[in-house]
Amino acid sequence: MYMSKAVSLLTSRATLIAAPSSSTKRDIVSVLSVPEQKVRVTSPGRPEGFHPMEAQSSARIRDEFGLHKPFVLFVGSFQSRKNLTCLLEAFEEVADRVSHELVIIARPVSRYASVLSRLQTSPQAHRIRFLGLVEHSQLPLFYNEADLFVFPSSYEGFGFPVLEAMACGCPTITTSVSSLPEVAGGAAILVSPTNPTELGAAIYQVLIDESLRNRLSQLGLRQSQRFAWTSTARQVLSLLEEAAGQDSPAKGLE
């Protein structure tokens, strides 16, 4: 209730609004009834420290976390929109045909205990490595060591994990909804967030096809270069200059 009232109040008072993606802009316009011309897409840049590494640099996480097999990586949370149960079902469908483990980096939250229970009772539980949270500085190492990053989210305002993975050259599968196709930009395989069989088929295809993994890696690296903080800064500056030239509806409240 607080978020609903606060966001509605702030968006109505704002001169202009910055949205991280075209998808979020559409949501702001449709859900909050904000005039379209009031919203500007201001894409964030790729995070610092996320880039391809020499194997000897990234491989140290294998000993630290006991990762002695090739693995598929998920980075996110237990929130229902992250769609982790769909990934579990997809992995269960293909696990007997590949040698990979599924590594999950996410903070366990008590109200999502059902998801953790689903992890622990999976018939492939012995192949699923739940690491909880790791140091942020370690994330690039995981992306570099993973054979595949899977992010099956059903809703994202932007989707930073996809950008992080691509910036590290990690082949990526994500979904065809909300902002994720914008971030992926044709450099990742897109699947439905409601079809575990489709996701499983995509995972299997990437894991058995080295040439496909290499192609996705190169496409992802190129796509990630499109997101630069210098460009974001220019967009924000332009937004501020434009707003300063208009009469703010909040002036009368000062």
Protein backbone atom coordinates (compact mmCIF):
# COMPACT_ATOMS: atom_id res chain seq x y z
CA MET A 1 0.00 0.00 0.00
CA TYR A 2 2.84 2.38 0.86
CA MET A 3 4.65 1.70 -2.42
CA SER A 4 1.46 2.17 -4.40
CA LYS A 5 0.70 5.53 -2.81
CA ALA A 6 4.31 6.79 -2.77
CA VAL A 7 5.07 5.86 -6.38
CA SER A 8 1.77 7.30 -7.62
CA LEU A 9 2.42 10.56 -5.75
CA LEU A 10 6.01 10.90 -6.94
CA THR A 11 5.29 10.10 -10.59
CA SER A 12 2.43 12.60 -10.67
CA ARG A 13 4.68 15.34 -9.23
CA ALA A 14 7.74 14.58 -11.35
CA THR A 15 8.60 16.75 -14.31
CA LEU A 16 10.23 13.84 -16.11
CA ILE A 17 10.81 10.18 -15.21
CA ALA A 18 13.83 8.02 -16.02
CA ALA A 19 13.07 4.37 -16.77
CA PRO A 20 15.80 1.71 -17.11
CA SER A 21 14.13 0.01 -20.09
CA SER A 22 11.41 0.46 -22.68
CA SER A 23 9.50 -2.31 -20.92
CA THR A 24 9.52 -0.37 -17.65
CA LYS A 25 8.48 2.76 -19.51
CA ARG A 26 5.44 0.93 -20.89
CA ASP A 27 4.58 -0.28 -17.38
CA ILE A 28 4.86 3.22 -15.92
CA VAL A 29 2.59 4.59 -18.62
CA SER A 30 -0.01 1.82 -18.40
CA VAL A 31 -0.07 1.07 -14.67
CA LEU A 32 0.37 4.61 -13.32
CA SER A 33 -1.42 6.44 -16.16
CA VAL A 34 1.61 8.67 -16.74
CA PRO A 35 1.77 10.52 -20.09
CA GLU A 36 4.21 8.71 -22.38
CA GLN A 37 6.12 11.89 -23.23
CA LYS A 38 6.98 12.33 -19.55
CA VAL A 39 9.05 9.09 -19.40
CA ARG A 40 12.56 8.70 -20.84
CA VAL A 41 14.44 5.42 -21.21
CA THR A 42 17.82 5.77 -19.47
CA SER A 43 19.62 2.44 -19.70
CA PRO A 44 22.22 1.66 -17.01
CA GLY A 45 25.75 0.60 -17.86
CA ARG A 46 27.44 -2.75 -17.39
CA PRO A 47 28.84 -3.24 -13.88
CA GLU A 48 32.56 -2.75 -13.32
CA GLY A 49 34.68 -5.85 -12.83
CA PHE A 50 32.58 -8.09 -15.06
CA HIS A 51 34.74 -9.20 -17.99
CA PRO A 52 36.39 -12.34 -19.39
CA MET A 53 39.24 -13.67 -17.26
CA GLU A 54 42.14 -16.05 -17.68
CA ALA A 55 41.16 -19.53 -16.49
CA GLN A 56 43.83 -19.53 -13.79
CA SER A 57 42.25 -16.41 -12.28
CA SER A 58 38.64 -17.58 -12.17
CA ALA A 59 39.29 -21.26 -11.41
CA ARG A 60 40.16 -20.57 -7.77
CA ILE A 61 36.46 -20.53 -6.89
CA ARG A 62 36.26 -24.21 -7.83
CA ASP A 63 38.53 -25.22 -4.94
CA GLU A 64 36.96 -22.71 -2.56
CA PHE A 65 33.42 -23.97 -3.18
CA GLY A 66 34.23 -27.57 -4.12
CA LEU A 67 33.01 -27.20 -7.70
CA HIS A 68 34.78 -30.08 -9.43
CA LYS A 69 32.28 -30.62 -12.24
CA PRO A 70 31.11 -28.36 -15.09
CA PHE A 71 28.10 -26.32 -14.03
CA VAL A 72 25.09 -24.30 -15.08
CA LEU A 73 24.70 -21.07 -13.09
CA PHE A 74 21.73 -19.15 -11.69
CA VAL A 75 22.19 -15.83 -9.89
CA GLY A 76 19.16 -14.11 -8.38
CA SER A 77 16.77 -14.59 -5.49
CA PHE A 78 13.98 -16.88 -4.29
CA GLN A 79 11.27 -14.40 -5.27
CA SER A 80 8.54 -16.11 -7.28
CA ARG A 81 9.14 -13.87 -10.29
CA LYS A 82 12.70 -15.21 -10.55
CA ASN A 83 11.03 -18.48 -11.57
CA LEU A 84 13.56 -20.77 -9.93
CA THR A 85 11.12 -23.69 -9.79
CA CYS A 86 10.87 -23.61 -13.60
CA LEU A 87 14.66 -23.89 -13.80
CA LEU A 88 14.63 -26.81 -11.36
CA GLU A 89 12.05 -28.67 -13.45
CA ALA A 90 14.04 -27.97 -16.63
CA PHE A 91 17.28 -29.17 -15.05
CA GLU A 92 15.60 -32.35 -13.80
CA GLU A 93 14.49 -33.09 -17.36
CA VAL A 94 18.02 -32.95 -18.78
CA ALA A 95 20.25 -33.88 -15.83
CA ASP A 96 20.55 -37.55 -16.83
CA ARG A 97 21.86 -36.53 -20.26
CA VAL A 98 24.58 -34.11 -19.16
CA SER A 99 27.41 -34.17 -16.63
CA HIS A 100 26.76 -30.68 -15.25
CA GLU A 101 25.72 -29.53 -11.82
CA LEU A 102 23.32 -26.65 -11.21
CA VAL A 103 24.88 -23.90 -9.08
CA ILE A 104 22.43 -21.49 -7.43
CA ILE A 105 23.56 -18.20 -5.91
CA ALA A 106 20.69 -16.59 -4.02
CA ARG A 107 19.87 -15.39 -0.53
CA PRO A 108 17.45 -17.73 1.25
CA VAL A 109 14.43 -15.89 2.64
CA SER A 110 12.08 -17.52 5.14
CA ARG A 111 8.92 -16.54 3.28
CA TYR A 112 10.18 -18.47 0.25
CA ALA A 113 10.82 -21.64 2.25
CA SER A 114 8.79 -23.64 -0.26
CA VAL A 115 11.39 -22.93 -2.95
CA LEU A 116 14.23 -24.10 -0.71
CA SER A 117 12.22 -27.22 0.12
CA ARG A 118 11.75 -27.83 -3.60
CA LEU A 119 15.52 -27.64 -4.03
CA GLN A 120 16.21 -30.05 -1.20
CA THR A 121 13.64 -32.63 -2.29
CA SER A 122 14.50 -32.61 -5.99
CA PRO A 123 15.37 -36.04 -7.43
CA GLN A 124 18.55 -34.30 -8.64
CA ALA A 125 19.34 -32.69 -5.28
CA HIS A 126 22.77 -34.32 -5.30
CA ARG A 127 23.54 -32.39 -8.50
CA ILE A 128 22.26 -29.03 -7.21
CA ARG A 129 24.70 -26.80 -5.37
CA PHE A 130 22.98 -24.05 -3.38
CA LEU A 131 25.64 -21.56 -2.28
CA GLY A 132 23.47 -18.86 -0.73
CA LEU A 133 25.07 -15.43 -1.14
CA VAL A 134 28.69 -14.98 -2.21
CA GLU A 135 30.91 -11.92 -2.16
CA HIS A 136 30.00 -9.54 -4.97
CA SER A 137 33.64 -9.55 -6.11
CA GLN A 138 33.36 -13.32 -6.64
CA LEU A 139 30.42 -13.16 -9.04
CA PRO A 140 32.56 -12.49 -12.14
CA LEU A 141 34.56 -15.63 -11.29
CA PHE A 142 31.41 -17.75 -11.30
CA TYR A 143 30.22 -16.28 -14.60
CA ASN A 144 33.64 -17.01 -16.12
CA GLU A 145 33.70 -20.60 -14.88
CA ALA A 146 30.10 -21.50 -15.78
CA ASP A 147 29.38 -23.26 -19.08
CA LEU A 148 25.97 -21.60 -19.15
CA PHE A 149 24.01 -18.93 -17.29
CA VAL A 150 20.23 -19.37 -17.04
CA PHE A 151 17.94 -16.57 -15.87
CA PRO A 152 14.29 -17.68 -16.30
CA SER A 153 12.70 -14.60 -14.69
CA SER A 154 9.09 -13.75 -15.49
CA TYR A 155 9.55 -10.03 -14.81
CA GLU A 156 12.48 -7.61 -14.66
CA GLY A 157 12.72 -3.84 -14.78
CA PHE A 158 16.14 -4.28 -16.36
CA GLY A 159 17.83 -7.61 -15.58
CA PHE A 160 21.41 -6.95 -14.44
CA PRO A 161 22.43 -10.64 -14.09
CA VAL A 162 21.95 -11.13 -17.84
CA LEU A 163 24.21 -8.17 -18.58
CA GLU A 164 26.78 -9.37 -16.03
CA ALA A 165 26.90 -12.84 -17.58
CA MET A 166 27.24 -11.54 -21.14
CA ALA A 167 29.96 -9.09 -20.10
CA CYS A 168 31.93 -12.10 -18.81
CA GLY A 169 31.40 -14.01 -22.05
CA CYS A 170 29.14 -16.59 -20.42
CA PRO A 171 26.56 -18.13 -22.82
CA THR A 172 23.12 -17.09 -21.61
CA ILE A 173 19.53 -18.29 -21.69
CA THR A 174 16.79 -15.98 -20.46
CA THR A 175 13.12 -15.35 -21.16
CA SER A 176 11.22 -13.52 -23.85
CA VAL A 177 9.26 -11.25 -21.49
CA SER A 178 9.49 -7.76 -19.92
CA SER A 179 12.88 -6.05 -20.33
CA LEU A 180 14.98 -9.17 -20.87
CA PRO A 181 14.90 -9.22 -24.69
CA GLU A 182 16.10 -5.59 -24.63
CA VAL A 183 19.10 -6.46 -22.50
CA ALA A 184 19.87 -9.67 -24.39
CA GLY A 185 19.56 -7.95 -27.76
CA GLY A 186 19.68 -11.18 -29.77
CA ALA A 187 22.80 -12.38 -27.93
CA ALA A 188 21.01 -14.91 -25.70
CA ILE A 189 18.55 -17.73 -26.26
CA LEU A 190 15.04 -16.61 -25.28
CA VAL A 191 12.41 -19.02 -23.98
CA SER A 192 8.97 -18.85 -22.42
CA PRO A 193 9.03 -18.41 -18.61
CA THR A 194 6.14 -20.87 -18.27
CA ASN A 195 7.50 -23.84 -20.21
CA PRO A 196 10.12 -25.95 -18.35
CA THR A 197 10.34 -28.39 -21.26
CA GLU A 198 11.31 -25.60 -23.66
CA LEU A 199 13.86 -24.31 -21.16
CA GLY A 200 15.27 -27.79 -20.64
CA ALA A 201 15.64 -28.32 -24.38
CA ALA A 202 17.52 -25.01 -24.70
CA ILE A 203 19.82 -25.90 -21.79
CA TYR A 204 20.60 -29.28 -23.30
CA GLN A 205 21.28 -27.84 -26.74
CA VAL A 206 23.74 -25.26 -25.42
CA LEU A 207 25.57 -27.75 -23.21
CA ILE A 208 26.15 -30.29 -25.98
CA ASP A 209 27.03 -27.79 -28.72
CA GLU A 210 30.42 -26.13 -28.16
CA SER A 211 30.14 -24.02 -31.32
CA LEU A 212 26.81 -22.63 -30.09
CA ARG A 213 28.35 -21.80 -26.72
CA ASN A 214 31.22 -19.99 -28.43
CA ARG A 215 28.83 -18.05 -30.65
CA LEU A 216 26.65 -17.00 -27.72
CA SER A 217 29.76 -15.98 -25.79
CA GLN A 218 30.97 -13.68 -28.56
CA LEU A 219 27.52 -12.24 -29.20
CA GLY A 220 27.08 -11.55 -25.50
CA LEU A 221 30.40 -9.76 -25.23
CA ARG A 222 29.48 -7.49 -28.13
CA GLN A 223 26.00 -6.83 -26.78
CA SER A 224 27.33 -5.94 -23.32
CA GLN A 225 29.53 -3.25 -24.85
CA ARG A 226 26.37 -1.31 -25.77
CA PHE A 227 25.76 -0.57 -22.08
CA ALA A 228 28.23 2.03 -20.84
CA TRP A 229 27.94 4.30 -17.80
CA THR A 230 29.31 7.23 -19.81
CA SER A 231 26.28 6.89 -22.08
CA THR A 232 24.00 6.65 -19.04
CA ALA A 233 25.56 9.81 -17.60
CA ARG A 234 24.93 11.70 -20.84
CA GLN A 235 21.31 10.54 -20.86
CA VAL A 236 20.78 11.61 -17.26
CA LEU A 237 22.41 14.99 -17.88
CA SER A 238 20.18 15.54 -20.88
CA LEU A 239 17.16 14.58 -18.77
CA LEU A 240 18.12 17.04 -16.01
CA GLU A 241 18.71 19.85 -18.50
CA GLU A 242 15.35 19.18 -20.13
CA ALA A 243 13.59 19.10 -16.76
CA ALA A 244 15.28 22.33 -15.66
CA GLY A 245 13.83 24.08 -18.67
CA GLN A 246 10.28 23.20 -17.65
CA ASP A 247 8.05 24.40 -14.84
CA SER A 248 8.01 21.70 -12.17
CA PRO A 249 4.58 20.79 -10.73
CA ALA A 250 6.31 20.52 -7.36
CA LYS A 251 7.41 24.18 -7.27
CA GLY A 252 4.25 25.33 -5.60
CA LEU A 253 4.91 22.90 -2.75
CA GLU A 254 8.34 24.28 -1.84
